[in-house]
């Protein structure tokens, strides 16, 4: 693992502490890296109206996009799970929208798994699938 990837994991661990999880108690942190090295962290934020809950990965993406970023190369996801945690289907689709290809999955026990988005979401729907016109 590269130093840059470890920095992503460390940031995901740090922002995980800010997760708002009064219902599930399942705190997740994510850190998204732009192609020019900027890092945006995000945590999951629950709501008593459960569909309004936002995952850590989407929080990180939305923060980066709202700051004007569009080019990403990797995201790290950290949770307290027996195996390294994987992004949910909705998050995988958002990651596909913005071309995040490298997914670093980590748990607080120190296990890491690195995958590509293509492996996690084969045949993803993308903006290229939309016919303009």
N, C-alpha and C. Protein backbone atom coordinates (compact mmCIF):
# COMPACT_ATOMS: atom_id res chain seq x y z
N UNK A 1 0.85 -1.18 0.00
CA UNK A 1 0.00 0.00 0.00
C UNK A 1 0.89 1.24 0.00
N UNK A 2 0.46 2.25 -0.74
CA UNK A 2 1.25 3.48 -0.84
C UNK A 2 1.02 4.37 0.38
N UNK A 3 1.90 5.33 0.56
CA UNK A 3 1.73 6.31 1.63
C UNK A 3 0.46 7.13 1.40
N UNK A 4 0.17 7.42 0.15
CA UNK A 4 -1.02 8.19 -0.19
C UNK A 4 -2.29 7.43 0.18
N UNK A 5 -2.29 6.11 -0.06
CA UNK A 5 -3.44 5.29 0.31
C UNK A 5 -3.59 5.22 1.83
N UNK A 6 -2.47 5.11 2.54
CA UNK A 6 -2.53 5.09 4.00
C UNK A 6 -3.07 6.41 4.54
N UNK A 7 -2.70 7.51 3.91
CA UNK A 7 -3.23 8.82 4.32
C UNK A 7 -4.74 8.87 4.15
N UNK A 8 -5.26 8.25 3.09
CA UNK A 8 -6.71 8.19 2.89
C UNK A 8 -7.38 7.40 4.01
N UNK A 9 -6.81 6.26 4.35
CA UNK A 9 -7.35 5.44 5.43
C UNK A 9 -7.34 6.23 6.74
N UNK A 10 -6.24 6.90 7.01
CA UNK A 10 -6.12 7.68 8.26
C UNK A 10 -7.18 8.78 8.32
N UNK A 11 -7.43 9.45 7.19
CA UNK A 11 -8.45 10.50 7.18
C UNK A 11 -9.85 9.89 7.36
N UNK A 12 -10.10 8.75 6.73
CA UNK A 12 -11.39 8.09 6.89
C UNK A 12 -11.62 7.69 8.36
N UNK A 13 -10.58 7.22 9.02
CA UNK A 13 -10.68 6.89 10.44
C UNK A 13 -11.00 8.14 11.26
N UNK A 14 -10.33 9.24 10.93
CA UNK A 14 -10.52 10.48 11.68
C UNK A 14 -11.95 11.00 11.55
N UNK A 15 -12.46 11.07 10.33
CA UNK A 15 -13.80 11.63 10.15
C UNK A 15 -14.90 10.67 10.60
N UNK A 16 -14.57 9.40 10.71
CA UNK A 16 -15.54 8.42 11.23
C UNK A 16 -16.01 8.83 12.63
N UNK A 17 -15.14 9.47 13.37
CA UNK A 17 -15.47 9.91 14.73
C UNK A 17 -16.61 10.93 14.74
N UNK A 18 -16.86 11.59 13.61
CA UNK A 18 -17.92 12.61 13.53
C UNK A 18 -19.26 12.05 13.07
N UNK A 19 -19.31 10.75 12.79
CA UNK A 19 -20.55 10.14 12.29
C UNK A 19 -21.70 10.40 13.25
N UNK A 20 -22.86 10.69 12.68
CA UNK A 20 -24.09 10.89 13.46
C UNK A 20 -24.93 9.64 13.26
N UNK A 21 -24.86 8.73 14.24
CA UNK A 21 -25.48 7.41 14.09
C UNK A 21 -26.29 7.01 15.34
N UNK A 22 -27.27 7.82 15.74
CA UNK A 22 -28.01 7.51 16.96
C UNK A 22 -28.91 6.28 16.85
N UNK A 23 -29.17 5.81 15.64
CA UNK A 23 -30.11 4.69 15.46
C UNK A 23 -29.38 3.37 15.24
N UNK A 24 -28.45 3.35 14.31
CA UNK A 24 -27.75 2.10 14.00
C UNK A 24 -26.48 1.92 14.83
N UNK A 25 -25.90 3.01 15.30
CA UNK A 25 -24.61 2.98 16.01
C UNK A 25 -23.51 2.41 15.12
N UNK A 26 -23.69 2.48 13.81
CA UNK A 26 -22.74 1.96 12.83
C UNK A 26 -22.03 3.13 12.16
N UNK A 27 -20.92 3.55 12.74
CA UNK A 27 -20.18 4.71 12.24
C UNK A 27 -19.27 4.31 11.08
N UNK A 28 -19.33 5.10 10.01
CA UNK A 28 -18.50 4.86 8.84
C UNK A 28 -17.81 6.17 8.47
N UNK A 29 -16.56 6.08 8.10
CA UNK A 29 -15.81 7.22 7.60
C UNK A 29 -15.33 6.94 6.20
N UNK A 30 -15.24 7.97 5.40
CA UNK A 30 -14.72 7.84 4.04
C UNK A 30 -13.83 9.03 3.73
N UNK A 31 -12.83 8.79 2.90
CA UNK A 31 -11.96 9.87 2.44
C UNK A 31 -11.73 9.69 0.95
N UNK A 32 -12.02 10.74 0.21
CA UNK A 32 -11.95 10.74 -1.25
C UNK A 32 -10.77 11.59 -1.69
N UNK A 33 -9.97 11.05 -2.62
CA UNK A 33 -8.80 11.78 -3.09
C UNK A 33 -9.00 12.23 -4.54
N UNK A 34 -8.71 13.50 -4.79
CA UNK A 34 -8.77 14.01 -6.16
C UNK A 34 -7.49 13.59 -6.89
N UNK A 35 -7.52 13.69 -8.19
CA UNK A 35 -6.34 13.31 -8.98
C UNK A 35 -5.15 14.22 -8.70
N UNK A 36 -5.41 15.43 -8.17
CA UNK A 36 -4.29 16.30 -7.83
C UNK A 36 -3.94 16.26 -6.35
N UNK A 37 -4.48 15.25 -5.62
CA UNK A 37 -4.05 14.98 -4.25
C UNK A 37 -4.85 15.59 -3.12
N UNK A 38 -5.89 16.35 -3.41
CA UNK A 38 -6.72 16.90 -2.33
C UNK A 38 -7.56 15.77 -1.73
N UNK A 39 -7.81 15.86 -0.44
CA UNK A 39 -8.60 14.83 0.24
C UNK A 39 -9.83 15.45 0.88
N UNK A 40 -10.98 14.82 0.65
CA UNK A 40 -12.25 15.24 1.23
C UNK A 40 -12.79 14.10 2.07
N UNK A 41 -13.03 14.37 3.35
CA UNK A 41 -13.57 13.35 4.24
C UNK A 41 -15.07 13.47 4.38
N UNK A 42 -15.68 12.34 4.73
CA UNK A 42 -17.12 12.33 4.97
C UNK A 42 -17.48 11.22 5.94
N UNK A 43 -18.55 11.41 6.67
CA UNK A 43 -19.05 10.39 7.59
C UNK A 43 -20.53 10.16 7.30
N UNK A 44 -21.05 9.05 7.79
CA UNK A 44 -22.47 8.81 7.58
C UNK A 44 -23.27 9.66 8.56
N UNK A 45 -24.44 10.09 8.10
CA UNK A 45 -25.31 10.96 8.87
C UNK A 45 -26.72 10.39 8.80
N UNK A 46 -27.19 9.86 9.92
CA UNK A 46 -28.51 9.24 9.97
C UNK A 46 -29.60 10.28 10.25
N UNK A 47 -30.83 9.86 9.97
CA UNK A 47 -31.99 10.70 10.21
C UNK A 47 -33.12 9.80 10.66
N UNK A 48 -33.99 10.32 11.53
CA UNK A 48 -35.12 9.50 12.00
C UNK A 48 -36.04 9.10 10.85
N UNK A 49 -36.02 9.86 9.77
CA UNK A 49 -36.67 9.44 8.54
C UNK A 49 -35.59 8.70 7.74
N UNK A 50 -35.51 7.39 7.94
CA UNK A 50 -34.38 6.60 7.47
C UNK A 50 -33.96 6.82 6.02
N UNK A 51 -34.88 7.01 5.06
CA UNK A 51 -34.41 7.24 3.68
C UNK A 51 -33.58 8.51 3.52
N UNK A 52 -33.64 9.40 4.48
CA UNK A 52 -32.87 10.64 4.40
C UNK A 52 -31.43 10.47 4.87
N UNK A 53 -31.09 9.30 5.37
CA UNK A 53 -29.73 9.01 5.81
C UNK A 53 -28.78 9.09 4.63
N UNK A 54 -27.56 9.59 4.87
CA UNK A 54 -26.55 9.69 3.81
C UNK A 54 -25.31 8.94 4.26
N UNK A 55 -24.80 8.10 3.37
CA UNK A 55 -23.60 7.31 3.65
C UNK A 55 -22.35 8.20 3.63
N UNK A 56 -21.30 7.71 4.26
CA UNK A 56 -20.04 8.44 4.34
C UNK A 56 -19.44 8.69 2.95
N UNK A 57 -19.51 7.69 2.09
CA UNK A 57 -18.93 7.83 0.76
C UNK A 57 -19.60 8.95 -0.02
N UNK A 58 -20.93 8.99 0.03
CA UNK A 58 -21.64 10.04 -0.70
C UNK A 58 -21.39 11.40 -0.07
N UNK A 59 -21.27 11.46 1.26
CA UNK A 59 -20.95 12.73 1.91
C UNK A 59 -19.62 13.26 1.39
N UNK A 60 -18.62 12.40 1.30
CA UNK A 60 -17.30 12.82 0.81
C UNK A 60 -17.38 13.30 -0.64
N UNK A 61 -18.08 12.55 -1.48
CA UNK A 61 -18.22 12.94 -2.89
C UNK A 61 -18.94 14.27 -3.00
N UNK A 62 -20.03 14.44 -2.28
CA UNK A 62 -20.81 15.67 -2.38
C UNK A 62 -20.02 16.87 -1.86
N UNK A 63 -19.23 16.67 -0.81
CA UNK A 63 -18.38 17.77 -0.34
C UNK A 63 -17.38 18.17 -1.41
N UNK A 64 -16.75 17.19 -2.04
CA UNK A 64 -15.75 17.48 -3.06
C UNK A 64 -16.38 18.15 -4.27
N UNK A 65 -17.49 17.63 -4.73
CA UNK A 65 -18.16 18.20 -5.91
C UNK A 65 -18.63 19.61 -5.61
N UNK A 66 -19.15 19.84 -4.41
CA UNK A 66 -19.63 21.19 -4.07
C UNK A 66 -18.48 22.17 -3.90
N UNK A 67 -17.25 21.65 -3.80
CA UNK A 67 -16.06 22.52 -3.75
C UNK A 67 -15.44 22.69 -5.14
N UNK A 68 -16.12 22.16 -6.16
CA UNK A 68 -15.67 22.35 -7.53
C UNK A 68 -14.82 21.22 -8.09
N UNK A 69 -14.64 20.15 -7.35
CA UNK A 69 -13.82 19.04 -7.82
C UNK A 69 -14.64 18.07 -8.65
N UNK A 70 -14.01 17.47 -9.66
CA UNK A 70 -14.70 16.50 -10.52
C UNK A 70 -13.84 15.29 -10.86
N UNK A 71 -12.53 15.37 -10.62
CA UNK A 71 -11.63 14.29 -11.02
C UNK A 71 -11.05 13.59 -9.80
N UNK A 72 -11.43 12.33 -9.63
CA UNK A 72 -11.04 11.58 -8.44
C UNK A 72 -10.30 10.30 -8.83
N UNK A 73 -9.43 9.84 -7.93
CA UNK A 73 -8.75 8.59 -8.24
C UNK A 73 -8.97 7.50 -7.21
N UNK A 74 -9.34 7.84 -5.98
CA UNK A 74 -9.50 6.78 -4.98
C UNK A 74 -10.36 7.25 -3.82
N UNK A 75 -10.96 6.27 -3.14
CA UNK A 75 -11.70 6.53 -1.91
C UNK A 75 -11.36 5.42 -0.93
N UNK A 76 -11.25 5.78 0.34
CA UNK A 76 -11.08 4.80 1.42
C UNK A 76 -12.34 4.82 2.28
N UNK A 77 -12.76 3.64 2.71
CA UNK A 77 -13.95 3.49 3.54
C UNK A 77 -13.55 2.68 4.77
N UNK A 78 -13.92 3.19 5.96
CA UNK A 78 -13.54 2.54 7.21
C UNK A 78 -14.76 2.37 8.11
N UNK A 79 -14.89 1.17 8.68
CA UNK A 79 -15.96 0.91 9.65
C UNK A 79 -15.49 -0.19 10.61
N UNK A 80 -16.24 -0.36 11.68
CA UNK A 80 -15.95 -1.41 12.65
C UNK A 80 -16.75 -2.65 12.24
N UNK A 81 -16.19 -3.42 11.32
CA UNK A 81 -16.84 -4.60 10.77
C UNK A 81 -15.85 -5.77 10.81
N UNK A 82 -16.36 -7.01 10.78
CA UNK A 82 -15.45 -8.15 10.81
C UNK A 82 -14.51 -8.21 9.59
N UNK A 83 -15.02 -7.82 8.44
CA UNK A 83 -14.24 -7.77 7.20
C UNK A 83 -14.15 -6.30 6.77
N UNK A 84 -13.20 -5.96 5.91
CA UNK A 84 -13.20 -4.59 5.40
C UNK A 84 -14.56 -4.25 4.80
N UNK A 85 -15.06 -3.08 5.11
CA UNK A 85 -16.41 -2.70 4.70
C UNK A 85 -16.44 -2.24 3.24
N UNK A 86 -17.52 -2.56 2.57
CA UNK A 86 -17.69 -2.21 1.15
C UNK A 86 -18.76 -1.13 1.01
N UNK A 87 -18.63 -0.28 0.00
CA UNK A 87 -19.68 0.71 -0.25
C UNK A 87 -20.99 0.02 -0.63
N UNK A 88 -22.09 0.61 -0.23
CA UNK A 88 -23.41 0.07 -0.61
C UNK A 88 -23.64 0.31 -2.10
N UNK A 89 -24.69 -0.26 -2.64
CA UNK A 89 -24.99 -0.12 -4.06
C UNK A 89 -25.20 1.31 -4.50
N UNK A 90 -25.90 2.10 -3.69
CA UNK A 90 -26.13 3.51 -4.04
C UNK A 90 -24.81 4.26 -4.11
N UNK A 91 -23.94 4.02 -3.16
CA UNK A 91 -22.63 4.69 -3.16
C UNK A 91 -21.79 4.24 -4.34
N UNK A 92 -21.87 2.96 -4.68
CA UNK A 92 -21.12 2.47 -5.84
C UNK A 92 -21.56 3.20 -7.11
N UNK A 93 -22.86 3.44 -7.23
CA UNK A 93 -23.36 4.14 -8.41
C UNK A 93 -22.87 5.59 -8.43
N UNK A 94 -22.86 6.26 -7.28
CA UNK A 94 -22.35 7.64 -7.21
C UNK A 94 -20.86 7.65 -7.55
N UNK A 95 -20.11 6.70 -7.04
CA UNK A 95 -18.68 6.62 -7.35
C UNK A 95 -18.47 6.39 -8.84
N UNK A 96 -19.35 5.59 -9.46
CA UNK A 96 -19.26 5.36 -10.91
C UNK A 96 -19.53 6.66 -11.67
N UNK A 97 -20.48 7.45 -11.21
CA UNK A 97 -20.81 8.72 -11.87
C UNK A 97 -19.59 9.62 -11.98
N UNK A 98 -18.74 9.59 -10.94
CA UNK A 98 -17.59 10.48 -10.90
C UNK A 98 -16.26 9.77 -11.19
N UNK A 99 -16.34 8.54 -11.67
CA UNK A 99 -15.14 7.85 -12.14
C UNK A 99 -14.13 7.48 -11.07
N UNK A 100 -14.58 7.22 -9.86
CA UNK A 100 -13.66 6.80 -8.79
C UNK A 100 -13.36 5.32 -9.01
N UNK A 101 -12.15 5.02 -9.44
CA UNK A 101 -11.87 3.63 -9.83
C UNK A 101 -11.29 2.78 -8.71
N UNK A 102 -10.52 3.37 -7.81
CA UNK A 102 -9.84 2.60 -6.75
C UNK A 102 -10.63 2.72 -5.45
N UNK A 103 -11.01 1.57 -4.89
CA UNK A 103 -11.77 1.54 -3.65
C UNK A 103 -10.92 0.82 -2.59
N UNK A 104 -10.58 1.55 -1.52
CA UNK A 104 -9.78 0.99 -0.44
C UNK A 104 -10.73 0.74 0.72
N UNK A 105 -10.94 -0.52 1.06
CA UNK A 105 -11.87 -0.90 2.12
C UNK A 105 -11.06 -1.35 3.32
N UNK A 106 -11.43 -0.87 4.50
CA UNK A 106 -10.62 -1.08 5.70
C UNK A 106 -11.55 -1.26 6.89
N UNK A 107 -11.13 -2.04 7.88
CA UNK A 107 -11.88 -2.10 9.13
C UNK A 107 -10.98 -1.61 10.26
N UNK A 108 -11.58 -1.33 11.42
CA UNK A 108 -10.79 -0.77 12.52
C UNK A 108 -9.82 -1.78 13.11
N UNK A 109 -9.94 -3.05 12.75
CA UNK A 109 -8.98 -4.07 13.19
C UNK A 109 -7.71 -4.04 12.36
N UNK A 110 -7.70 -3.25 11.28
CA UNK A 110 -6.50 -3.09 10.49
C UNK A 110 -6.45 -3.89 9.20
N UNK A 111 -7.51 -4.59 8.86
CA UNK A 111 -7.53 -5.34 7.61
C UNK A 111 -7.90 -4.40 6.46
N UNK A 112 -7.24 -4.58 5.33
CA UNK A 112 -7.48 -3.74 4.17
C UNK A 112 -7.68 -4.62 2.94
N UNK A 113 -8.61 -4.20 2.10
CA UNK A 113 -8.83 -4.83 0.81
C UNK A 113 -8.93 -3.70 -0.21
N UNK A 114 -8.25 -3.85 -1.32
CA UNK A 114 -8.28 -2.84 -2.37
C UNK A 114 -8.92 -3.47 -3.60
N UNK A 115 -9.86 -2.75 -4.19
CA UNK A 115 -10.59 -3.26 -5.35
C UNK A 115 -10.80 -2.12 -6.33
N UNK A 116 -11.26 -2.46 -7.50
CA UNK A 116 -11.67 -1.44 -8.45
C UNK A 116 -13.18 -1.34 -8.41
N UNK A 117 -13.68 -0.21 -8.83
CA UNK A 117 -15.13 -0.05 -8.89
C UNK A 117 -15.73 -1.02 -9.90
N UNK A 118 -15.01 -1.26 -10.97
CA UNK A 118 -15.49 -2.19 -12.00
C UNK A 118 -15.70 -3.59 -11.41
N UNK A 119 -14.84 -4.00 -10.48
CA UNK A 119 -15.01 -5.30 -9.83
C UNK A 119 -16.22 -5.30 -8.88
N UNK A 120 -16.44 -4.17 -8.21
CA UNK A 120 -17.55 -4.08 -7.26
C UNK A 120 -18.89 -3.79 -7.92
N UNK A 121 -18.86 -3.17 -9.09
CA UNK A 121 -20.10 -2.80 -9.77
C UNK A 121 -19.95 -3.02 -11.28
N UNK A 122 -19.91 -4.30 -11.68
CA UNK A 122 -19.76 -4.57 -13.11
C UNK A 122 -20.98 -4.07 -13.88
N UNK A 123 -20.75 -3.54 -15.06
CA UNK A 123 -21.85 -3.07 -15.88
C UNK A 123 -22.55 -1.85 -15.34
N UNK A 124 -21.82 -0.99 -14.63
CA UNK A 124 -22.41 0.19 -14.01
C UNK A 124 -23.05 1.10 -15.05
N UNK A 125 -24.17 1.70 -14.69
CA UNK A 125 -24.82 2.71 -15.50
C UNK A 125 -24.02 4.00 -15.36
N UNK A 126 -23.76 4.67 -16.46
CA UNK A 126 -22.98 5.91 -16.37
C UNK A 126 -23.60 7.00 -17.22
N UNK A 127 -23.05 8.19 -17.08
CA UNK A 127 -23.54 9.32 -17.87
C UNK A 127 -23.38 9.07 -19.36
N UNK A 128 -22.44 8.21 -19.73
CA UNK A 128 -22.27 7.86 -21.15
C UNK A 128 -23.44 7.05 -21.70
N UNK A 129 -24.24 6.47 -20.81
CA UNK A 129 -25.40 5.67 -21.22
C UNK A 129 -26.61 6.55 -21.55
N UNK A 130 -26.56 7.81 -21.21
CA UNK A 130 -27.68 8.71 -21.43
C UNK A 130 -27.56 9.31 -22.82
N UNK A 131 -28.60 9.14 -23.60
CA UNK A 131 -28.60 9.69 -24.97
C UNK A 131 -29.07 11.13 -24.89
N UNK A 132 -28.24 12.02 -25.35
CA UNK A 132 -28.57 13.44 -25.34
C UNK A 132 -29.44 13.77 -26.54
N UNK A 133 -30.60 14.38 -26.25
CA UNK A 133 -31.25 14.76 -27.35
C UNK A 133 -32.58 14.87 -27.74
